[in-house]
Every structure is written in structure tokens, then in C-alpha cells.
């Protein structure tokens, strides 16, 4: 199976016939830090990947901006 990693971009050949979470464990990648894509489909850590598969691991990005002034917050009212 071909595994395409991003950030930095590289490709790795690995044996298939096992669950995504086992592939991630072997690559020392935490499942919650990447999206795993096979073709056009997002797949879960419990799904099995085969020798003929190509999967792509994309890092999960988070972020945002400060709330606009006057926006609701979780701070208690004084």
C-alpha cells in the first residue's frame, strides 16, 4: 500500500491488510492528528486498508480568530 504523508510531503510503501490505526501506530502518528483519505473518501481508524490501496494522511488544522466585539462568551456576567 502507498501512504502519502503531508507536511513534509513524502511517500511510504507499507503492507496492507490491516486497520488504519495499526498503520498510524507503525508510523508513530496519533489518529486524532490526521485525516485519512482513500480516493475521495474519508476513512476511520477502524477501517481496513489493502495492499492495492493508496491513502493520504493530511494533518488536522485548527484555528480561528478572536470573536467580534460584542459577541457572546462563556464568561459569567458580573
PDB file of N, CA and C in Angstrom:
ATOM      1  N   UNK A   1       0.854  -1.159   0.000  1.00  0.00           N
ATOM      2  CA  UNK A   1       0.000   0.000   0.000  1.00  0.00           C
ATOM      3  C   UNK A   1       0.899   1.220   0.000  1.00  0.00           C
ATOM      4  N   UNK A   2       0.427   2.259  -0.691  1.00  0.00           N
ATOM      5  CA  UNK A   2       1.169   3.513  -0.702  1.00  0.00           C
ATOM      6  C   UNK A   2       0.529   4.460   0.300  1.00  0.00           C
ATOM      7  N   UNK A   3       1.364   5.062   1.149  1.00  0.00           N
ATOM      8  CA  UNK A   3       0.909   6.053   2.121  1.00  0.00           C
ATOM      9  C   UNK A   3       1.559   7.378   1.746  1.00  0.00           C
ATOM     10  N   UNK A   4       0.719   8.387   1.477  1.00  0.00           N
ATOM     11  CA  UNK A   4       1.209   9.721   1.153  1.00  0.00           C
ATOM     12  C   UNK A   4       1.056  10.579   2.392  1.00  0.00           C
ATOM     13  N   UNK A   5       2.163  11.103   2.861  1.00  0.00           N
ATOM     14  CA  UNK A   5       2.155  11.958   4.053  1.00  0.00           C
ATOM     15  C   UNK A   5       2.365  13.402   3.621  1.00  0.00           C
ATOM     16  N   UNK A   6       1.744  14.309   4.323  1.00  0.00           N
ATOM     17  CA  UNK A   6       1.889  15.744   4.054  1.00  0.00           C
ATOM     18  C   UNK A   6       2.640  16.392   5.208  1.00  0.00           C
ATOM     19  N   UNK A   7       3.315  17.470   4.880  1.00  0.00           N
ATOM     20  CA  UNK A   7       3.948  18.325   5.897  1.00  0.00           C
ATOM     21  C   UNK A   7       5.082  17.635   6.637  1.00  0.00           C
ATOM     22  N   UNK A   8       6.185  17.304   6.067  1.00  0.00           N
ATOM     23  CA  UNK A   8       6.543  17.482   4.663  1.00  0.00           C
ATOM     24  C   UNK A   8       6.001  16.340   3.820  1.00  0.00           C
ATOM     25  N   UNK A   9       5.868  16.594   2.505  1.00  0.00           N
ATOM     26  CA  UNK A   9       5.308  15.585   1.616  1.00  0.00           C
ATOM     27  C   UNK A   9       6.340  14.475   1.392  1.00  0.00           C
ATOM     28  N   UNK A  10       5.864  13.243   1.579  1.00  0.00           N
ATOM     29  CA  UNK A  10       6.686  12.067   1.295  1.00  0.00           C
ATOM     30  C   UNK A  10       5.769  10.885   1.081  1.00  0.00           C
ATOM     31  N   UNK A  11       6.279   9.848   0.456  1.00  0.00           N
ATOM     32  CA  UNK A  11       5.513   8.633   0.203  1.00  0.00           C
ATOM     33  C   UNK A  11       6.238   7.447   0.823  1.00  0.00           C
ATOM     34  N   UNK A  12       5.442   6.538   1.393  1.00  0.00           N
ATOM     35  CA  UNK A  12       5.985   5.356   2.059  1.00  0.00           C
ATOM     36  C   UNK A  12       5.207   4.146   1.562  1.00  0.00           C
ATOM     37  N   UNK A  13       5.893   3.053   1.281  1.00  0.00           N
ATOM     38  CA  UNK A  13       5.245   1.785   0.936  1.00  0.00           C
ATOM     39  C   UNK A  13       5.146   0.940   2.201  1.00  0.00           C
ATOM     40  N   UNK A  14       3.942   0.417   2.452  1.00  0.00           N
ATOM     41  CA  UNK A  14       3.710  -0.410   3.638  1.00  0.00           C
ATOM     42  C   UNK A  14       2.822  -1.586   3.256  1.00  0.00           C
ATOM     43  N   UNK A  15       2.828  -2.614   4.081  1.00  0.00           N
ATOM     44  CA  UNK A  15       1.941  -3.757   3.874  1.00  0.00           C
ATOM     45  C   UNK A  15       0.515  -3.362   4.218  1.00  0.00           C
ATOM     46  N   UNK A  16      -0.430  -3.821   3.426  1.00  0.00           N
ATOM     47  CA  UNK A  16      -1.847  -3.575   3.692  1.00  0.00           C
ATOM     48  C   UNK A  16      -2.439  -4.732   4.478  1.00  0.00           C
ATOM     49  N   UNK A  17      -3.769  -4.891   4.370  1.00  0.00           N
ATOM     50  CA  UNK A  17      -4.437  -5.974   5.073  1.00  0.00           C
ATOM     51  C   UNK A  17      -4.543  -5.752   6.563  1.00  0.00           C
ATOM     52  N   UNK A  18      -4.592  -4.487   6.960  1.00  0.00           N
ATOM     53  CA  UNK A  18      -4.728  -4.165   8.390  1.00  0.00           C
ATOM     54  C   UNK A  18      -5.494  -2.864   8.558  1.00  0.00           C
ATOM     55  N   UNK A  19      -5.827  -2.582   9.800  1.00  0.00           N
ATOM     56  CA  UNK A  19      -6.618  -1.384  10.098  1.00  0.00           C
ATOM     57  C   UNK A  19      -5.752  -0.125  10.026  1.00  0.00           C
ATOM     58  N   UNK A  20      -6.417   0.975   9.698  1.00  0.00           N
ATOM     59  CA  UNK A  20      -5.746   2.274   9.611  1.00  0.00           C
ATOM     60  C   UNK A  20      -5.017   2.582  10.912  1.00  0.00           C
ATOM     61  N   UNK A  21      -5.639   2.291  12.056  1.00  0.00           N
ATOM     62  CA  UNK A  21      -4.999   2.624  13.336  1.00  0.00           C
ATOM     63  C   UNK A  21      -3.678   1.885  13.516  1.00  0.00           C
ATOM     64  N   UNK A  22      -3.546   0.684  12.938  1.00  0.00           N
ATOM     65  CA  UNK A  22      -2.286  -0.053  13.016  1.00  0.00           C
ATOM     66  C   UNK A  22      -1.216   0.602  12.142  1.00  0.00           C
ATOM     67  N   UNK A  23      -1.631   1.092  10.975  1.00  0.00           N
ATOM     68  CA  UNK A  23      -0.705   1.813  10.091  1.00  0.00           C
ATOM     69  C   UNK A  23      -0.208   3.074  10.797  1.00  0.00           C
ATOM     70  N   UNK A  24      -1.134   3.819  11.393  1.00  0.00           N
ATOM     71  CA  UNK A  24      -0.765   5.050  12.091  1.00  0.00           C
ATOM     72  C   UNK A  24       0.171   4.761  13.261  1.00  0.00           C
ATOM     73  N   UNK A  25      -0.109   3.694  13.996  1.00  0.00           N
ATOM     74  CA  UNK A  25       0.753   3.327  15.129  1.00  0.00           C
ATOM     75  C   UNK A  25       2.176   3.032  14.639  1.00  0.00           C
ATOM     76  N   UNK A  26       2.287   2.300  13.535  1.00  0.00           N
ATOM     77  CA  UNK A  26       3.614   1.976  12.994  1.00  0.00           C
ATOM     78  C   UNK A  26       4.364   3.237  12.548  1.00  0.00           C
ATOM     79  N   UNK A  27       3.618   4.231  12.059  1.00  0.00           N
ATOM     80  CA  UNK A  27       4.236   5.490  11.632  1.00  0.00           C
ATOM     81  C   UNK A  27       4.415   6.467  12.794  1.00  0.00           C
ATOM     82  N   UNK A  28       3.992   6.058  13.987  1.00  0.00           N
ATOM     83  CA  UNK A  28       4.081   6.893  15.187  1.00  0.00           C
ATOM     84  C   UNK A  28       3.290   8.195  15.029  1.00  0.00           C
ATOM     85  N   UNK A  29       2.048   8.040  14.513  1.00  0.00           N
ATOM     86  CA  UNK A  29       1.152   9.178  14.298  1.00  0.00           C
ATOM     87  C   UNK A  29      -0.105   8.965  15.131  1.00  0.00           C
ATOM     88  N   UNK A  30      -0.496   9.956  15.898  1.00  0.00           N
ATOM     89  CA  UNK A  30      -1.730   9.879  16.684  1.00  0.00           C
ATOM     90  C   UNK A  30      -2.930  10.018  15.751  1.00  0.00           C
ATOM     91  N   UNK A  31      -3.918   9.118  15.844  1.00  0.00           N
ATOM     92  CA  UNK A  31      -5.073   9.166  14.943  1.00  0.00           C
ATOM     93  C   UNK A  31      -5.813  10.500  14.946  1.00  0.00           C
ATOM     94  N   UNK A  32      -5.855  11.181  16.094  1.00  0.00           N
ATOM     95  CA  UNK A  32      -6.604  12.436  16.164  1.00  0.00           C
ATOM     96  C   UNK A  32      -5.867  13.611  15.523  1.00  0.00           C
ATOM     97  N   UNK A  33      -4.651  13.384  15.028  1.00  0.00           N
ATOM     98  CA  UNK A  33      -3.880  14.482  14.429  1.00  0.00           C
ATOM     99  C   UNK A  33      -3.925  14.500  12.906  1.00  0.00           C
ATOM    100  N   UNK A  34      -4.556  13.476  12.287  1.00  0.00           N
ATOM    101  CA  UNK A  34      -4.602  13.410  10.824  1.00  0.00           C
ATOM    102  C   UNK A  34      -5.981  13.012  10.319  1.00  0.00           C
ATOM    103  N   UNK A  35      -6.253  13.405   9.080  1.00  0.00           N
ATOM    104  CA  UNK A  35      -7.394  12.893   8.327  1.00  0.00           C
ATOM    105  C   UNK A  35      -6.824  11.846   7.387  1.00  0.00           C
ATOM    106  N   UNK A  36      -7.501  10.698   7.279  1.00  0.00           N
ATOM    107  CA  UNK A  36      -7.031   9.626   6.405  1.00  0.00           C
ATOM    108  C   UNK A  36      -7.996   9.535   5.232  1.00  0.00           C
ATOM    109  N   UNK A  37      -7.449   9.671   4.024  1.00  0.00           N
ATOM    110  CA  UNK A  37      -8.270   9.737   2.818  1.00  0.00           C
ATOM    111  C   UNK A  37      -7.852   8.621   1.869  1.00  0.00           C
ATOM    112  N   UNK A  38      -8.856   7.882   1.368  1.00  0.00           N
ATOM    113  CA  UNK A  38      -8.634   6.850   0.348  1.00  0.00           C
ATOM    114  C   UNK A  38      -9.497   7.238  -0.844  1.00  0.00           C
ATOM    115  N   UNK A  39      -8.868   7.607  -1.944  1.00  0.00           N
ATOM    116  CA  UNK A  39      -9.622   8.112  -3.095  1.00  0.00           C
ATOM    117  C   UNK A  39     -10.269   9.436  -2.722  1.00  0.00           C
ATOM    118  N   UNK A  40     -11.596   9.476  -2.807  1.00  0.00           N
ATOM    119  CA  UNK A  40     -12.349  10.670  -2.412  1.00  0.00           C
ATOM    120  C   UNK A  40     -13.049  10.475  -1.076  1.00  0.00           C
ATOM    121  N   UNK A  41     -12.697   9.418  -0.361  1.00  0.00           N
ATOM    122  CA  UNK A  41     -13.423   9.041   0.856  1.00  0.00           C
ATOM    123  C   UNK A  41     -12.560   9.226   2.105  1.00  0.00           C
ATOM    124  N   UNK A  42     -13.137   9.853   3.105  1.00  0.00           N
ATOM    125  CA  UNK A  42     -12.510   9.962   4.419  1.00  0.00           C
ATOM    126  C   UNK A  42     -12.744   8.632   5.129  1.00  0.00           C
ATOM    127  N   UNK A  43     -11.689   8.008   5.643  1.00  0.00           N
ATOM    128  CA  UNK A  43     -11.861   6.713   6.304  1.00  0.00           C
ATOM    129  C   UNK A  43     -11.451   6.809   7.771  1.00  0.00           C
ATOM    130  N   UNK A  44     -11.990   5.903   8.564  1.00  0.00           N
ATOM    131  CA  UNK A  44     -11.795   5.926  10.012  1.00  0.00           C
ATOM    132  C   UNK A  44     -10.657   4.986  10.424  1.00  0.00           C
ATOM    133  N   UNK A  45     -10.150   5.154  11.641  1.00  0.00           N
ATOM    134  CA  UNK A  45      -9.060   4.292  12.118  1.00  0.00           C
ATOM    135  C   UNK A  45      -9.412   2.804  12.165  1.00  0.00           C
ATOM    136  N   UNK A  46     -10.700   2.449  12.210  1.00  0.00           N
ATOM    137  CA  UNK A  46     -11.089   1.045  12.285  1.00  0.00           C
ATOM    138  C   UNK A  46     -11.233   0.379  10.921  1.00  0.00           C
ATOM    139  N   UNK A  47     -11.160   1.145   9.849  1.00  0.00           N
ATOM    140  CA  UNK A  47     -11.312   0.562   8.521  1.00  0.00           C
ATOM    141  C   UNK A  47     -10.025  -0.132   8.084  1.00  0.00           C
ATOM    142  N   UNK A  48     -10.194  -1.203   7.298  1.00  0.00           N
ATOM    143  CA  UNK A  48      -9.061  -1.992   6.813  1.00  0.00           C
ATOM    144  C   UNK A  48      -8.598  -1.430   5.471  1.00  0.00           C
ATOM    145  N   UNK A  49      -7.281  -1.312   5.323  1.00  0.00           N
ATOM    146  CA  UNK A  49      -6.691  -0.899   4.050  1.00  0.00           C
ATOM    147  C   UNK A  49      -5.968  -2.097   3.443  1.00  0.00           C
ATOM    148  N   UNK A  50      -6.012  -2.188   2.127  1.00  0.00           N
ATOM    149  CA  UNK A  50      -5.454  -3.335   1.400  1.00  0.00           C
ATOM    150  C   UNK A  50      -4.123  -2.976   0.747  1.00  0.00           C
ATOM    151  N   UNK A  51      -3.418  -3.987   0.277  1.00  0.00           N
ATOM    152  CA  UNK A  51      -2.130  -3.769  -0.384  1.00  0.00           C
ATOM    153  C   UNK A  51      -2.243  -2.844  -1.591  1.00  0.00           C
ATOM    154  N   UNK A  52      -3.341  -2.918  -2.334  1.00  0.00           N
ATOM    155  CA  UNK A  52      -3.502  -2.121  -3.555  1.00  0.00           C
ATOM    156  C   UNK A  52      -3.960  -0.688  -3.281  1.00  0.00           C
ATOM    157  N   UNK A  53      -4.273  -0.347  -2.028  1.00  0.00           N
ATOM    158  CA  UNK A  53      -4.787   0.987  -1.689  1.00  0.00           C
ATOM    159  C   UNK A  53      -3.683   2.037  -1.668  1.00  0.00           C
ATOM    160  N   UNK A  54      -4.104   3.268  -1.929  1.00  0.00           N
ATOM    161  CA  UNK A  54      -3.278   4.450  -1.682  1.00  0.00           C
ATOM    162  C   UNK A  54      -4.053   5.299  -0.702  1.00  0.00           C
ATOM    163  N   UNK A  55      -3.442   5.630   0.413  1.00  0.00           N
ATOM    164  CA  UNK A  55      -4.096   6.508   1.382  1.00  0.00           C
ATOM    165  C   UNK A  55      -3.239   7.754   1.569  1.00  0.00           C
ATOM    166  N   UNK A  56      -3.914   8.824   1.894  1.00  0.00           N
ATOM    167  CA  UNK A  56      -3.228  10.089   2.136  1.00  0.00           C
ATOM    168  C   UNK A  56      -3.503  10.521   3.562  1.00  0.00           C
ATOM    169  N   UNK A  57      -2.471  10.954   4.257  1.00  0.00           N
ATOM    170  CA  UNK A  57      -2.603  11.441   5.627  1.00  0.00           C
ATOM    171  C   UNK A  57      -2.418  12.949   5.607  1.00  0.00           C
ATOM    172  N   UNK A  58      -3.474  13.662   5.940  1.00  0.00           N
ATOM    173  CA  UNK A  58      -3.407  15.125   5.978  1.00  0.00           C
ATOM    174  C   UNK A  58      -3.519  15.591   7.416  1.00  0.00           C
ATOM    175  N   UNK A  59      -2.633  16.479   7.834  1.00  0.00           N
ATOM    176  CA  UNK A  59      -2.702  16.974   9.213  1.00  0.00           C
ATOM    177  C   UNK A  59      -3.987  17.749   9.460  1.00  0.00           C
ATOM    178  N   UNK A  60      -4.539  17.561  10.644  1.00  0.00           N
ATOM    179  CA  UNK A  60      -5.732  18.305  11.049  1.00  0.00           C
ATOM    180  C   UNK A  60      -5.290  19.721  11.385  1.00  0.00           C
ATOM    181  N   UNK A  61      -5.990  20.682  10.834  1.00  0.00           N
ATOM    182  CA  UNK A  61      -5.682  22.088  11.111  1.00  0.00           C
ATOM    183  C   UNK A  61      -6.800  22.665  11.963  1.00  0.00           C
ATOM    184  N   UNK A  62      -6.442  23.492  12.891  1.00  0.00           N
ATOM    185  CA  UNK A  62      -7.452  24.186  13.685  1.00  0.00           C
ATOM    186  C   UNK A  62      -7.005  25.617  13.822  1.00  0.00           C
ATOM    187  N   UNK A  63      -7.899  26.414  14.223  1.00  0.00           N
ATOM    188  CA  UNK A  63      -7.555  27.823  14.391  1.00  0.00           C
ATOM    189  C   UNK A  63      -8.810  28.654  14.347  1.00  0.00           C
ATOM    190  N   UNK A  64      -8.627  29.878  14.126  1.00  0.00           N
ATOM    191  CA  UNK A  64      -9.756  30.782  14.079  1.00  0.00           C
ATOM    192  C   UNK A  64      -9.278  32.163  14.433  1.00  0.00           C
ATOM    193  N   UNK A  65     -10.202  32.955  14.796  1.00  0.00           N
ATOM    194  CA  UNK A  65      -9.856  34.328  15.146  1.00  0.00           C
ATOM    195  C   UNK A  65     -10.579  34.711  16.418  1.00  0.00           C
ATOM    196  N   UNK A  66     -10.240  35.849  16.913  1.00  0.00           N
ATOM    197  CA  UNK A  66     -10.916  36.358  18.107  1.00  0.00           C
ATOM    198  C   UNK A  66     -12.371  36.643  17.775  1.00  0.00           C
ATOM    199  N   UNK A  67     -13.276  36.439  18.733  1.00  0.00           N
ATOM    200  CA  UNK A  67     -14.680  36.737  18.458  1.00  0.00           C
ATOM    201  C   UNK A  67     -14.859  38.233  18.232  1.00  0.00           C
ATOM    202  N   UNK A  68     -15.805  38.599  17.380  1.00  0.00           N
ATOM    203  CA  UNK A  68     -16.052  40.023  17.160  1.00  0.00           C
ATOM    204  C   UNK A  68     -16.496  40.701  18.447  1.00  0.00           C
ATOM    205  N   UNK A  69     -16.232  41.988  18.553  1.00  0.00           N
ATOM    206  CA  UNK A  69     -16.628  42.701  19.774  1.00  0.00           C
ATOM    207  C   UNK A  69     -18.135  42.603  19.941  1.00  0.00           C
ATOM    208  N   UNK A  70     -18.556  42.416  21.161  1.00  0.00           N
ATOM    209  CA  UNK A  70     -19.982  42.273  21.446  1.00  0.00           C
ATOM    210  C   UNK A  70     -20.492  40.852  21.286  1.00  0.00           C
ATOM    211  N   UNK A  71     -19.622  39.920  20.878  1.00  0.00           N
ATOM    212  CA  UNK A  71     -20.044  38.532  20.699  1.00  0.00           C
ATOM    213  C   UNK A  71     -20.224  37.874  22.060  1.00  0.00           C
ATOM    214  N   UNK A  72     -21.092  36.889  22.094  1.00  0.00           N
ATOM    215  CA  UNK A  72     -21.344  36.161  23.343  1.00  0.00           C
ATOM    216  C   UNK A  72     -20.097  35.382  23.739  1.00  0.00           C
ATOM    217  N   UNK A  73     -19.869  35.248  25.027  1.00  0.00           N
ATOM    218  CA  UNK A  73     -18.755  34.444  25.525  1.00  0.00           C
ATOM    219  C   UNK A  73     -19.257  33.581  26.665  1.00  0.00           C
ATOM    220  N   UNK A  74     -18.404  32.712  27.145  1.00  0.00           N
ATOM    221  CA  UNK A  74     -18.780  31.842  28.264  1.00  0.00           C
ATOM    222  C   UNK A  74     -18.453  32.468  29.605  1.00  0.00           C
ATOM    223  N   UNK A  75     -17.902  33.639  29.604  1.00  0.00           N
ATOM    224  CA  UNK A  75     -17.558  34.303  30.864  1.00  0.00           C
ATOM    225  C   UNK A  75     -18.832  34.653  31.623  1.00  0.00           C
ATOM    226  N   UNK A  76     -18.835  34.454  32.946  1.00  0.00           N
ATOM    227  CA  UNK A  76     -20.035  34.783  33.726  1.00  0.00           C
ATOM    228  C   UNK A  76     -20.295  36.293  33.711  1.00  0.00           C
ATOM    229  N   UNK A  77     -21.562  36.620  33.763  1.00  0.00           N
ATOM    230  CA  UNK A  77     -21.943  38.035  33.821  1.00  0.00           C
ATOM    231  C   UNK A  77     -21.609  38.590  35.195  1.00  0.00           C
ATOM    232  N   UNK A  78     -21.134  39.786  35.259  1.00  0.00           N
ATOM    233  CA  UNK A  78     -20.791  40.439  36.524  1.00  0.00           C
ATOM    234  C   UNK A  78     -21.965  41.251  37.025  1.00  0.00           C
TER     235      UNK A  78
END
